[in-house]
PDB file of N, CA and C in Angstrom:
ATOM      1  N   MET A   1     -90.615 142.558 -29.573  1.00  0.00           N
ATOM      2  CA  MET A   1     -91.324 141.373 -29.096  1.00  0.00           C
ATOM      3  C   MET A   1     -90.302 140.439 -28.450  1.00  0.00           C
ATOM      4  N   THR A   2     -90.653 139.961 -27.277  1.00  0.00           N
ATOM      5  CA  THR A   2     -89.752 139.025 -26.613  1.00  0.00           C
ATOM      6  C   THR A   2     -90.013 137.625 -27.122  1.00  0.00           C
ATOM      7  N   SER A   3     -89.146 136.718 -26.820  1.00  0.00           N
ATOM      8  CA  SER A   3     -89.253 135.354 -27.336  1.00  0.00           C
ATOM      9  C   SER A   3     -90.413 134.580 -26.718  1.00  0.00           C
ATOM     10  N   THR A   4     -90.976 135.059 -25.595  1.00  0.00           N
ATOM     11  CA  THR A   4     -92.078 134.344 -24.956  1.00  0.00           C
ATOM     12  C   THR A   4     -93.438 134.759 -25.500  1.00  0.00           C
ATOM     13  N   GLU A   5     -93.504 135.857 -26.242  1.00  0.00           N
ATOM     14  CA  GLU A   5     -94.783 136.340 -26.775  1.00  0.00           C
ATOM     15  C   GLU A   5     -95.092 135.664 -28.105  1.00  0.00           C
ATOM     16  N   ALA A   6     -96.330 135.273 -28.266  1.00  0.00           N
ATOM     17  CA  ALA A   6     -96.768 134.688 -29.540  1.00  0.00           C
ATOM     18  C   ALA A   6     -97.069 135.821 -30.513  1.00  0.00           C
ATOM     19  N   PRO A   7     -96.845 135.617 -31.805  1.00  0.00           N
ATOM     20  CA  PRO A   7     -97.150 136.670 -32.781  1.00  0.00           C
ATOM     21  C   PRO A   7     -98.657 136.921 -32.850  1.00  0.00           C
ATOM     22  N   PHE A   8     -99.020 138.164 -33.114  1.00  0.00           N
ATOM     23  CA  PHE A   8    -100.427 138.540 -33.222  1.00  0.00           C
ATOM     24  C   PHE A   8    -101.016 137.995 -34.527  1.00  0.00           C
ATOM     25  N   VAL A   9    -102.165 137.356 -34.430  1.00  0.00           N
ATOM     26  CA  VAL A   9    -102.860 136.837 -35.608  1.00  0.00           C
ATOM     27  C   VAL A   9    -104.221 137.500 -35.665  1.00  0.00           C
ATOM     28  N   ASP A  10    -104.465 138.279 -36.706  1.00  0.00           N
ATOM     29  CA  ASP A  10    -105.761 138.942 -36.883  1.00  0.00           C
ATOM     30  C   ASP A  10    -106.694 137.971 -37.599  1.00  0.00           C
ATOM     31  N   ARG A  11    -107.511 137.256 -36.861  1.00  0.00           N
ATOM     32  CA  ARG A  11    -108.383 136.224 -37.429  1.00  0.00           C
ATOM     33  C   ARG A  11    -109.528 136.803 -38.236  1.00  0.00           C
ATOM     34  N   ARG A  12    -109.829 138.073 -38.027  1.00  0.00           N
ATOM     35  CA  ARG A  12    -110.913 138.696 -38.779  1.00  0.00           C
ATOM     36  C   ARG A  12    -110.560 138.800 -40.245  1.00  0.00           C
ATOM     37  N   ARG A  13    -109.299 138.954 -40.555  1.00  0.00           N
ATOM     38  CA  ARG A  13    -108.881 139.143 -41.929  1.00  0.00           C
ATOM     39  C   ARG A  13    -108.301 137.890 -42.567  1.00  0.00           C
ATOM     40  N   SER A  14    -107.989 136.904 -41.777  1.00  0.00           N
ATOM     41  CA  SER A  14    -107.448 135.684 -42.371  1.00  0.00           C
ATOM     42  C   SER A  14    -108.574 134.925 -43.060  1.00  0.00           C
ATOM     43  N   GLY A  15    -108.237 134.140 -44.046  1.00  0.00           N
ATOM     44  CA  GLY A  15    -109.239 133.413 -44.817  1.00  0.00           C
ATOM     45  C   GLY A  15    -109.857 132.265 -44.056  1.00  0.00           C
ATOM     46  N   GLN A  16    -109.380 132.005 -42.858  1.00  0.00           N
ATOM     47  CA  GLN A  16    -109.889 130.878 -42.088  1.00  0.00           C
ATOM     48  C   GLN A  16    -110.844 131.378 -41.024  1.00  0.00           C
ATOM     49  N   SER A  17    -112.058 130.847 -41.053  1.00  0.00           N
ATOM     50  CA  SER A  17    -113.025 131.195 -40.016  1.00  0.00           C
ATOM     51  C   SER A  17    -113.634 129.919 -39.482  1.00  0.00           C
ATOM     52  N   SER A  18    -114.326 130.020 -38.383  1.00  0.00           N
ATOM     53  CA  SER A  18    -114.905 128.835 -37.764  1.00  0.00           C
ATOM     54  C   SER A  18    -116.125 128.339 -38.514  1.00  0.00           C
ATOM     55  N   THR A  19    -116.694 129.165 -39.379  1.00  0.00           N
ATOM     56  CA  THR A  19    -117.843 128.738 -40.171  1.00  0.00           C
ATOM     57  C   THR A  19    -117.472 128.753 -41.636  1.00  0.00           C
ATOM     58  N   ALA A  20    -118.154 127.948 -42.395  1.00  0.00           N
ATOM     59  CA  ALA A  20    -117.887 127.885 -43.829  1.00  0.00           C
ATOM     60  C   ALA A  20    -118.308 129.189 -44.486  1.00  0.00           C
ATOM     61  N   PRO A  21    -117.672 129.594 -45.585  1.00  0.00           N
ATOM     62  CA  PRO A  21    -118.060 130.824 -46.274  1.00  0.00           C
ATOM     63  C   PRO A  21    -119.523 130.782 -46.702  1.00  0.00           C
ATOM     64  N   GLY A  22    -120.227 131.861 -46.456  1.00  0.00           N
ATOM     65  CA  GLY A  22    -121.633 131.939 -46.835  1.00  0.00           C
ATOM     66  C   GLY A  22    -122.577 131.283 -45.842  1.00  0.00           C
ATOM     67  N   SER A  23    -122.044 130.649 -44.823  1.00  0.00           N
ATOM     68  CA  SER A  23    -122.924 130.020 -43.844  1.00  0.00           C
ATOM     69  C   SER A  23    -123.426 131.061 -42.860  1.00  0.00           C
ATOM     70  N   GLU A  24    -124.532 130.773 -42.251  1.00  0.00           N
ATOM     71  CA  GLU A  24    -125.136 131.715 -41.324  1.00  0.00           C
ATOM     72  C   GLU A  24    -124.530 131.570 -39.946  1.00  0.00           C
ATOM     73  N   ARG A  25    -124.455 132.676 -39.231  1.00  0.00           N
ATOM     74  CA  ARG A  25    -123.948 132.662 -37.876  1.00  0.00           C
ATOM     75  C   ARG A  25    -125.049 132.994 -36.874  1.00  0.00           C
ATOM     76  N   ARG A  26    -126.305 133.018 -37.342  1.00  0.00           N
ATOM     77  CA  ARG A  26    -127.401 133.328 -36.434  1.00  0.00           C
ATOM     78  C   ARG A  26    -127.561 132.228 -35.404  1.00  0.00           C
ATOM     79  N   GLN A  27    -127.879 132.620 -34.191  1.00  0.00           N
ATOM     80  CA  GLN A  27    -128.067 131.640 -33.133  1.00  0.00           C
ATOM     81  C   GLN A  27    -129.393 130.901 -33.309  1.00  0.00           C
ATOM     82  N   PHE A  28    -130.421 131.601 -33.739  1.00  0.00           N
ATOM     83  CA  PHE A  28    -131.752 131.008 -33.847  1.00  0.00           C
ATOM     84  C   PHE A  28    -132.135 130.920 -35.319  1.00  0.00           C
ATOM     85  N   SER A  29    -131.575 129.970 -36.022  1.00  0.00           N
ATOM     86  CA  SER A  29    -131.771 129.889 -37.465  1.00  0.00           C
ATOM     87  C   SER A  29    -133.183 129.485 -37.855  1.00  0.00           C
ATOM     88  N   ASN A  30    -133.960 128.890 -36.971  1.00  0.00           N
ATOM     89  CA  ASN A  30    -135.323 128.483 -37.312  1.00  0.00           C
ATOM     90  C   ASN A  30    -136.362 129.402 -36.674  1.00  0.00           C
ATOM     91  N   SER A  31    -136.008 130.633 -36.378  1.00  0.00           N
ATOM     92  CA  SER A  31    -136.907 131.538 -35.669  1.00  0.00           C
ATOM     93  C   SER A  31    -138.067 132.024 -36.527  1.00  0.00           C
ATOM     94  N   HIS A  32    -138.083 131.696 -37.824  1.00  0.00           N
ATOM     95  CA  HIS A  32    -139.141 132.173 -38.709  1.00  0.00           C
ATOM     96  C   HIS A  32    -140.236 131.141 -38.946  1.00  0.00           C
ATOM     97  N   GLN A  33    -140.110 129.973 -38.363  1.00  0.00           N
ATOM     98  CA  GLN A  33    -141.035 128.893 -38.688  1.00  0.00           C
ATOM     99  C   GLN A  33    -142.469 129.138 -38.211  1.00  0.00           C
ATOM    100  N   ASN A  34    -142.678 129.966 -37.209  1.00  0.00           N
ATOM    101  CA  ASN A  34    -144.026 130.218 -36.701  1.00  0.00           C
ATOM    102  C   ASN A  34    -144.699 131.425 -37.349  1.00  0.00           C
ATOM    103  N   LEU A  35    -144.067 132.009 -38.345  1.00  0.00           N
ATOM    104  CA  LEU A  35    -144.609 133.179 -39.023  1.00  0.00           C
ATOM    105  C   LEU A  35    -145.490 132.763 -40.194  1.00  0.00           C
ATOM    106  N   SER A  36    -146.368 133.676 -40.604  1.00  0.00           N
ATOM    107  CA  SER A  36    -147.156 133.442 -41.814  1.00  0.00           C
ATOM    108  C   SER A  36    -146.207 133.417 -43.010  1.00  0.00           C
ATOM    109  N   LEU A  37    -146.655 132.899 -44.135  1.00  0.00           N
ATOM    110  CA  LEU A  37    -145.798 132.811 -45.319  1.00  0.00           C
ATOM    111  C   LEU A  37    -145.284 134.178 -45.779  1.00  0.00           C
ATOM    112  N   PRO A  38    -146.135 135.225 -45.846  1.00  0.00           N
ATOM    113  CA  PRO A  38    -145.600 136.537 -46.231  1.00  0.00           C
ATOM    114  C   PRO A  38    -144.570 137.073 -45.221  1.00  0.00           C
ATOM    115  N   ALA A  39    -144.794 136.820 -43.936  1.00  0.00           N
ATOM    116  CA  ALA A  39    -143.846 137.273 -42.916  1.00  0.00           C
ATOM    117  C   ALA A  39    -142.538 136.495 -43.016  1.00  0.00           C
ATOM    118  N   GLN A  40    -142.615 135.206 -43.339  1.00  0.00           N
ATOM    119  CA  GLN A  40    -141.402 134.403 -43.545  1.00  0.00           C
ATOM    120  C   GLN A  40    -140.604 134.940 -44.733  1.00  0.00           C
ATOM    121  N   GLU A  41    -141.310 135.293 -45.806  1.00  0.00           N
ATOM    122  CA  GLU A  41    -140.645 135.833 -46.995  1.00  0.00           C
ATOM    123  C   GLU A  41    -139.915 137.130 -46.656  1.00  0.00           C
ATOM    124  N   LEU A  42    -140.569 138.003 -45.894  1.00  0.00           N
ATOM    125  CA  LEU A  42    -139.941 139.260 -45.495  1.00  0.00           C
ATOM    126  C   LEU A  42    -138.734 139.002 -44.593  1.00  0.00           C
ATOM    127  N   ALA A  43    -138.893 138.116 -43.617  1.00  0.00           N
ATOM    128  CA  ALA A  43    -137.799 137.815 -42.693  1.00  0.00           C
ATOM    129  C   ALA A  43    -136.602 137.236 -43.441  1.00  0.00           C
ATOM    130  N   GLN A  44    -136.851 136.357 -44.393  1.00  0.00           N
ATOM    131  CA  GLN A  44    -135.761 135.768 -45.169  1.00  0.00           C
ATOM    132  C   GLN A  44    -135.088 136.817 -46.058  1.00  0.00           C
ATOM    133  N   ALA A  45    -135.892 137.728 -46.616  1.00  0.00           N
ATOM    134  CA  ALA A  45    -135.325 138.794 -47.443  1.00  0.00           C
ATOM    135  C   ALA A  45    -134.453 139.721 -46.600  1.00  0.00           C
ATOM    136  N   ILE A  46    -134.898 140.029 -45.391  1.00  0.00           N
ATOM    137  CA  ILE A  46    -134.113 140.876 -44.493  1.00  0.00           C
ATOM    138  C   ILE A  46    -132.829 140.164 -44.093  1.00  0.00           C
ATOM    139  N   ASP A  47    -132.925 138.867 -43.775  1.00  0.00           N
ATOM    140  CA  ASP A  47    -131.728 138.097 -43.423  1.00  0.00           C
ATOM    141  C   ASP A  47    -130.733 138.068 -44.582  1.00  0.00           C
ATOM    142  N   SER A  48    -131.236 137.889 -45.796  1.00  0.00           N
ATOM    143  CA  SER A  48    -130.360 137.879 -46.973  1.00  0.00           C
ATOM    144  C   SER A  48    -129.684 139.236 -47.147  1.00  0.00           C
ATOM    145  N   TYR A  49    -130.456 140.304 -46.968  1.00  0.00           N
ATOM    146  CA  TYR A  49    -129.896 141.653 -47.074  1.00  0.00           C
ATOM    147  C   TYR A  49    -128.767 141.833 -46.060  1.00  0.00           C
ATOM    148  N   LYS A  50    -129.034 141.405 -44.828  1.00  0.00           N
ATOM    149  CA  LYS A  50    -128.035 141.567 -43.776  1.00  0.00           C
ATOM    150  C   LYS A  50    -126.782 140.748 -44.068  1.00  0.00           C
ATOM    151  N   LEU A  51    -126.929 139.538 -44.567  1.00  0.00           N
ATOM    152  CA  LEU A  51    -125.766 138.714 -44.911  1.00  0.00           C
ATOM    153  C   LEU A  51    -124.984 139.323 -46.068  1.00  0.00           C
ATOM    154  N   ASN A  52    -125.693 139.741 -47.111  1.00  0.00           N
ATOM    155  CA  ASN A  52    -125.035 140.293 -48.299  1.00  0.00           C
ATOM    156  C   ASN A  52    -124.331 141.609 -48.019  1.00  0.00           C
ATOM    157  N   ASN A  53    -124.860 142.378 -47.070  1.00  0.00           N
ATOM    158  CA  ASN A  53    -124.297 143.691 -46.761  1.00  0.00           C
ATOM    159  C   ASN A  53    -123.517 143.720 -45.454  1.00  0.00           C
ATOM    160  N   ARG A  54    -123.306 142.532 -44.888  1.00  0.00           N
ATOM    161  CA  ARG A  54    -122.545 142.404 -43.633  1.00  0.00           C
ATOM    162  C   ARG A  54    -123.059 143.341 -42.552  1.00  0.00           C
ATOM    163  N   ARG A  55    -124.365 143.289 -42.353  1.00  0.00           N
ATOM    164  CA  ARG A  55    -125.006 144.142 -41.349  1.00  0.00           C
ATOM    165  C   ARG A  55    -125.651 143.265 -40.292  1.00  0.00           C
ATOM    166  N   ARG A  56    -125.464 143.611 -39.047  1.00  0.00           N
ATOM    167  CA  ARG A  56    -126.133 142.885 -37.972  1.00  0.00           C
ATOM    168  C   ARG A  56    -127.533 143.453 -37.752  1.00  0.00           C
ATOM    169  N   PHE A  57    -127.645 144.754 -37.883  1.00  0.00           N
ATOM    170  CA  PHE A  57    -128.926 145.446 -37.754  1.00  0.00           C
ATOM    171  C   PHE A  57    -129.091 146.334 -38.972  1.00  0.00           C
ATOM    172  N   ILE A  58    -130.344 146.591 -39.359  1.00  0.00           N
ATOM    173  CA  ILE A  58    -130.578 147.467 -40.503  1.00  0.00           C
ATOM    174  C   ILE A  58    -131.419 148.656 -40.067  1.00  0.00           C
ATOM    175  N   THR A  59    -131.308 149.732 -40.826  1.00  0.00           N
ATOM    176  CA  THR A  59    -132.067 150.942 -40.542  1.00  0.00           C
ATOM    177  C   THR A  59    -133.466 150.828 -41.153  1.00  0.00           C
ATOM    178  N   CYS A  60    -134.317 151.763 -40.826  1.00  0.00           N
ATOM    179  CA  CYS A  60    -135.665 151.791 -41.415  1.00  0.00           C
ATOM    180  C   CYS A  60    -135.582 151.983 -42.929  1.00  0.00           C
ATOM    181  N   GLU A  61    -134.646 152.800 -43.378  1.00  0.00           N
ATOM    182  CA  GLU A  61    -134.464 153.010 -44.822  1.00  0.00           C
ATOM    183  C   GLU A  61    -134.085 151.706 -45.517  1.00  0.00           C
ATOM    184  N   GLU A  62    -133.202 150.950 -44.895  1.00  0.00           N
ATOM    185  CA  GLU A  62    -132.785 149.668 -45.477  1.00  0.00           C
ATOM    186  C   GLU A  62    -133.943 148.672 -45.480  1.00  0.00           C
ATOM    187  N   MET A  63    -134.743 148.670 -44.421  1.00  0.00           N
ATOM    188  CA  MET A  63    -135.903 147.781 -44.377  1.00  0.00           C
ATOM    189  C   MET A  63    -136.897 148.158 -45.471  1.00  0.00           C
ATOM    190  N   LEU A  64    -137.098 149.444 -45.677  1.00  0.00           N
ATOM    191  CA  LEU A  64    -137.982 149.895 -46.749  1.00  0.00           C
ATOM    192  C   LEU A  64    -137.454 149.432 -48.101  1.00  0.00           C
ATOM    193  N   GLU A  65    -136.153 149.503 -48.282  1.00  0.00           N
ATOM    194  CA  GLU A  65    -135.529 149.038 -49.523  1.00  0.00           C
ATOM    195  C   GLU A  65    -135.818 147.552 -49.761  1.00  0.00           C
ATOM    196  N   VAL A  66    -135.726 146.746 -48.712  1.00  0.00           N
ATOM    197  CA  VAL A  66    -136.010 145.314 -48.823  1.00  0.00           C
ATOM    198  C   VAL A  66    -137.484 145.088 -49.162  1.00  0.00           C
ATOM    199  N   ILE A  67    -138.356 145.811 -48.493  1.00  0.00           N
ATOM    200  CA  ILE A  67    -139.801 145.660 -48.722  1.00  0.00           C
ATOM    201  C   ILE A  67    -140.162 146.039 -50.154  1.00  0.00           C
ATOM    202  N   LEU A  68    -139.612 147.146 -50.633  1.00  0.00           N
ATOM    203  CA  LEU A  68    -139.881 147.560 -52.010  1.00  0.00           C
ATOM    204  C   LEU A  68    -139.303 146.567 -53.016  1.00  0.00           C
ATOM    205  N   ALA A  69    -138.152 145.974 -52.696  1.00  0.00           N
ATOM    206  CA  ALA A  69    -137.553 144.981 -53.591  1.00  0.00           C
ATOM    207  C   ALA A  69    -138.408 143.727 -53.692  1.00  0.00           C
ATOM    208  N   LEU A  70    -139.204 143.453 -52.660  1.00  0.00           N
ATOM    209  CA  LEU A  70    -140.121 142.305 -52.697  1.00  0.00           C
ATOM    210  C   LEU A  70    -141.358 142.617 -53.535  1.00  0.00           C
ATOM    211  N   GLY A  71    -141.541 143.878 -53.922  1.00  0.00           N
ATOM    212  CA  GLY A  71    -142.659 144.242 -54.786  1.00  0.00           C
ATOM    213  C   GLY A  71    -143.816 144.912 -54.068  1.00  0.00           C
ATOM    214  N   TYR A  72    -143.676 145.167 -52.792  1.00  0.00           N
ATOM    215  CA  TYR A  72    -144.746 145.855 -52.069  1.00  0.00           C
ATOM    216  C   TYR A  72    -144.748 147.322 -52.442  1.00  0.00           C
ATOM    217  N   GLN A  73    -145.946 147.909 -52.500  1.00  0.00           N
ATOM    218  CA  GLN A  73    -146.066 149.324 -52.774  1.00  0.00           C
ATOM    219  C   GLN A  73    -147.274 149.901 -52.043  1.00  0.00           C
ATOM    220  N   LYS A  74    -147.190 151.155 -51.720  1.00  0.00           N
ATOM    221  CA  LYS A  74    -148.267 151.838 -51.010  1.00  0.00           C
ATOM    222  C   LYS A  74    -149.410 152.071 -51.996  1.00  0.00           C
ATOM    223  N   SER A  75    -150.603 151.706 -51.588  1.00  0.00           N
ATOM    224  CA  SER A  75    -151.741 151.883 -52.496  1.00  0.00           C
ATOM    225  C   SER A  75    -152.566 153.104 -52.153  1.00  0.00           C
TER     226      SER A  75
END
């Protein structure tokens, strides 16, 4: 490394981020307000799953897992 180059800083692994720990990074945080109450509950459960599992998108299997965790079952 020459004297003019700045050292590499991997910000993904450093404890400092632009948002507080546990805070949401979604652009549209109020996008669930026009949904019915059951749809809001599902959307919030999916958002929680994605935050807890560090997933931006979830698979159909993961969505089924969230739905079953809410207590829904096929009749």
